[in-house]
C-alpha cells in the first residue's frame, strides 16, 4: 500500500549539517532529487514544501513553495495542504513539535526529519 508523504524541506535539509546553509538552492535541489528517487523506489506520493525560492525540477515529487514568507510559512502551507486534501493516510516529515501537533490534529502521522533523512540516505 502506498503512502502519502508531506515533507517539511527545511527540517529535512537541516537534519544533516553538511554546509547546506552556504547553498540553500543547491540543498533544495539535492533534497528534491533524493525525494524523486525515494518516490520512484517506493511508489509513494511525495509533496515537499519549501520556505522560499524557485521550485527545483522534479519528476515524481510535487514541489510547493510556501505562498507567504516568514516564521512558520512552510508549516502553515503544510497544514493548509492537509486541511484541503485530508490528513488521513498522510505522513508529515518534520521535527517541529507544533507542526507535528497540528498535523496529528488533522489525522496525519508524523515522522521525525532526522529519521527520514537516514531513510533517504539508506536508499542510495
Protein backbone atom coordinates (compact mmCIF):
# COMPACT_ATOMS: atom_id res chain seq x y z
CA UNK A 1 0.00 0.00 0.00
CA UNK A 2 1.47 3.34 -0.96
CA UNK A 3 1.77 6.17 1.49
CA UNK A 4 1.33 9.92 1.03
CA UNK A 5 4.28 11.92 2.39
CA UNK A 6 4.32 15.67 3.09
CA UNK A 7 7.87 16.81 3.73
CA UNK A 8 8.98 19.94 5.60
CA UNK A 9 12.04 20.66 3.44
CA UNK A 10 13.84 22.92 5.90
CA UNK A 11 13.67 20.33 8.66
CA UNK A 12 14.99 17.52 6.47
CA UNK A 13 17.76 19.63 4.94
CA UNK A 14 18.73 20.90 8.39
CA UNK A 15 18.86 17.39 9.84
CA UNK A 16 22.33 16.93 8.38
CA UNK A 17 24.88 19.72 8.99
CA UNK A 18 26.68 19.35 5.67
CA UNK A 19 27.12 23.05 4.88
CA UNK A 20 23.66 23.39 3.28
CA UNK A 21 23.44 26.99 4.58
CA UNK A 22 26.13 28.07 2.10
CA UNK A 23 23.96 26.98 -0.85
CA UNK A 24 20.28 26.81 0.08
CA UNK A 25 19.11 26.43 -3.53
CA UNK A 26 21.56 23.57 -4.05
CA UNK A 27 20.37 21.92 -0.82
CA UNK A 28 16.77 22.13 -2.06
CA UNK A 29 17.77 20.61 -5.42
CA UNK A 30 19.59 17.75 -3.71
CA UNK A 31 16.64 17.07 -1.41
CA UNK A 32 14.14 17.05 -4.27
CA UNK A 33 16.40 14.70 -6.25
CA UNK A 34 16.60 12.34 -3.25
CA UNK A 35 12.82 12.53 -2.81
CA UNK A 36 12.32 11.78 -6.52
CA UNK A 37 14.42 8.64 -6.11
CA UNK A 38 12.51 7.73 -2.92
CA UNK A 39 9.17 8.14 -4.73
CA UNK A 40 10.42 6.04 -7.67
CA UNK A 41 11.67 3.30 -5.35
CA UNK A 42 8.61 3.17 -3.09
CA UNK A 43 5.78 4.19 -5.40
CA UNK A 44 4.64 6.60 -2.67
CA UNK A 45 3.22 10.05 -3.36
CA UNK A 46 5.54 12.79 -2.08
CA UNK A 47 4.91 16.51 -1.63
CA UNK A 48 7.76 18.69 -0.38
CA UNK A 49 7.15 22.19 0.94
CA UNK A 50 9.92 24.79 0.63
CA UNK A 51 10.07 28.04 2.60
CA UNK A 52 11.09 30.12 -0.42
CA UNK A 53 12.97 30.11 -3.71
CA UNK A 54 12.38 28.62 -7.10
CA UNK A 55 10.99 25.10 -7.04
CA UNK A 56 13.61 22.65 -8.34
CA UNK A 57 12.51 20.39 -11.19
CA UNK A 58 11.04 17.06 -10.14
CA UNK A 59 9.70 14.04 -11.99
CA UNK A 60 7.70 12.29 -9.28
CA UNK A 61 7.55 14.81 -6.45
CA UNK A 62 5.12 17.68 -6.04
CA UNK A 63 7.18 20.73 -5.06
CA UNK A 64 5.30 23.50 -3.25
CA UNK A 65 6.77 26.86 -2.28
CA UNK A 66 5.05 28.42 0.74
CA UNK A 67 2.84 31.22 -0.58
CA UNK A 68 3.99 33.67 2.08
CA UNK A 69 7.31 34.34 3.78
CA UNK A 70 8.22 34.50 7.41
CA UNK A 71 8.07 32.41 10.51
CA UNK A 72 6.02 29.22 10.13
CA UNK A 73 5.18 29.92 6.47
CA UNK A 74 6.02 26.37 5.33
CA UNK A 75 4.31 24.92 8.41
CA UNK A 76 1.14 26.84 7.60
CA UNK A 77 1.34 25.67 3.97
CA UNK A 78 1.65 22.04 5.12
CA UNK A 79 -1.36 22.40 7.42
CA UNK A 80 -3.35 24.02 4.60
CA UNK A 81 -2.48 21.09 2.28
CA UNK A 82 -3.60 18.59 4.92
CA UNK A 83 -6.82 20.52 5.54
CA UNK A 84 -7.54 20.67 1.80
CA UNK A 85 -6.59 17.09 0.91
CA UNK A 86 -7.29 15.36 4.20
CA UNK A 87 -4.79 14.27 6.79
CA UNK A 88 -5.84 10.63 6.96
CA UNK A 89 -3.23 8.46 5.27
CA UNK A 90 -0.64 11.24 5.17
CA UNK A 91 2.68 11.13 6.96
CA UNK A 92 4.24 14.52 7.66
CA UNK A 93 8.02 14.67 7.95
CA UNK A 94 9.09 17.32 10.44
CA UNK A 95 10.95 17.85 13.68
CA UNK A 96 8.81 20.85 14.59
CA UNK A 97 6.69 19.92 17.62
CA UNK A 98 3.95 22.47 16.90
CA UNK A 99 3.63 21.40 13.26
CA UNK A 100 3.53 17.77 14.40
CA UNK A 101 0.69 18.60 16.81
CA UNK A 102 -1.25 20.46 14.10
CA UNK A 103 -0.72 17.63 11.59
CA UNK A 104 -1.88 14.97 14.05
CA UNK A 105 -4.97 17.04 14.82
CA UNK A 106 -5.84 16.71 11.11
CA UNK A 107 -5.36 12.92 11.20
CA UNK A 108 -1.84 12.68 9.78
CA UNK A 109 1.01 10.57 11.15
CA UNK A 110 4.36 12.24 11.81
CA UNK A 111 7.92 11.06 11.26
CA UNK A 112 10.96 12.96 12.53
CA UNK A 113 13.15 14.70 9.97
CA UNK A 114 16.35 13.02 11.17
CA UNK A 115 14.90 9.54 10.86
CA UNK A 116 13.52 10.31 7.43
CA UNK A 117 16.87 11.77 6.33
CA UNK A 118 18.52 8.48 7.35
CA UNK A 119 15.82 6.62 5.36
CA UNK A 120 16.65 8.70 2.27
CA UNK A 121 20.40 8.20 2.74
CA UNK A 122 19.99 4.42 3.19
CA UNK A 123 18.13 4.17 -0.12
CA UNK A 124 21.09 5.42 -2.13
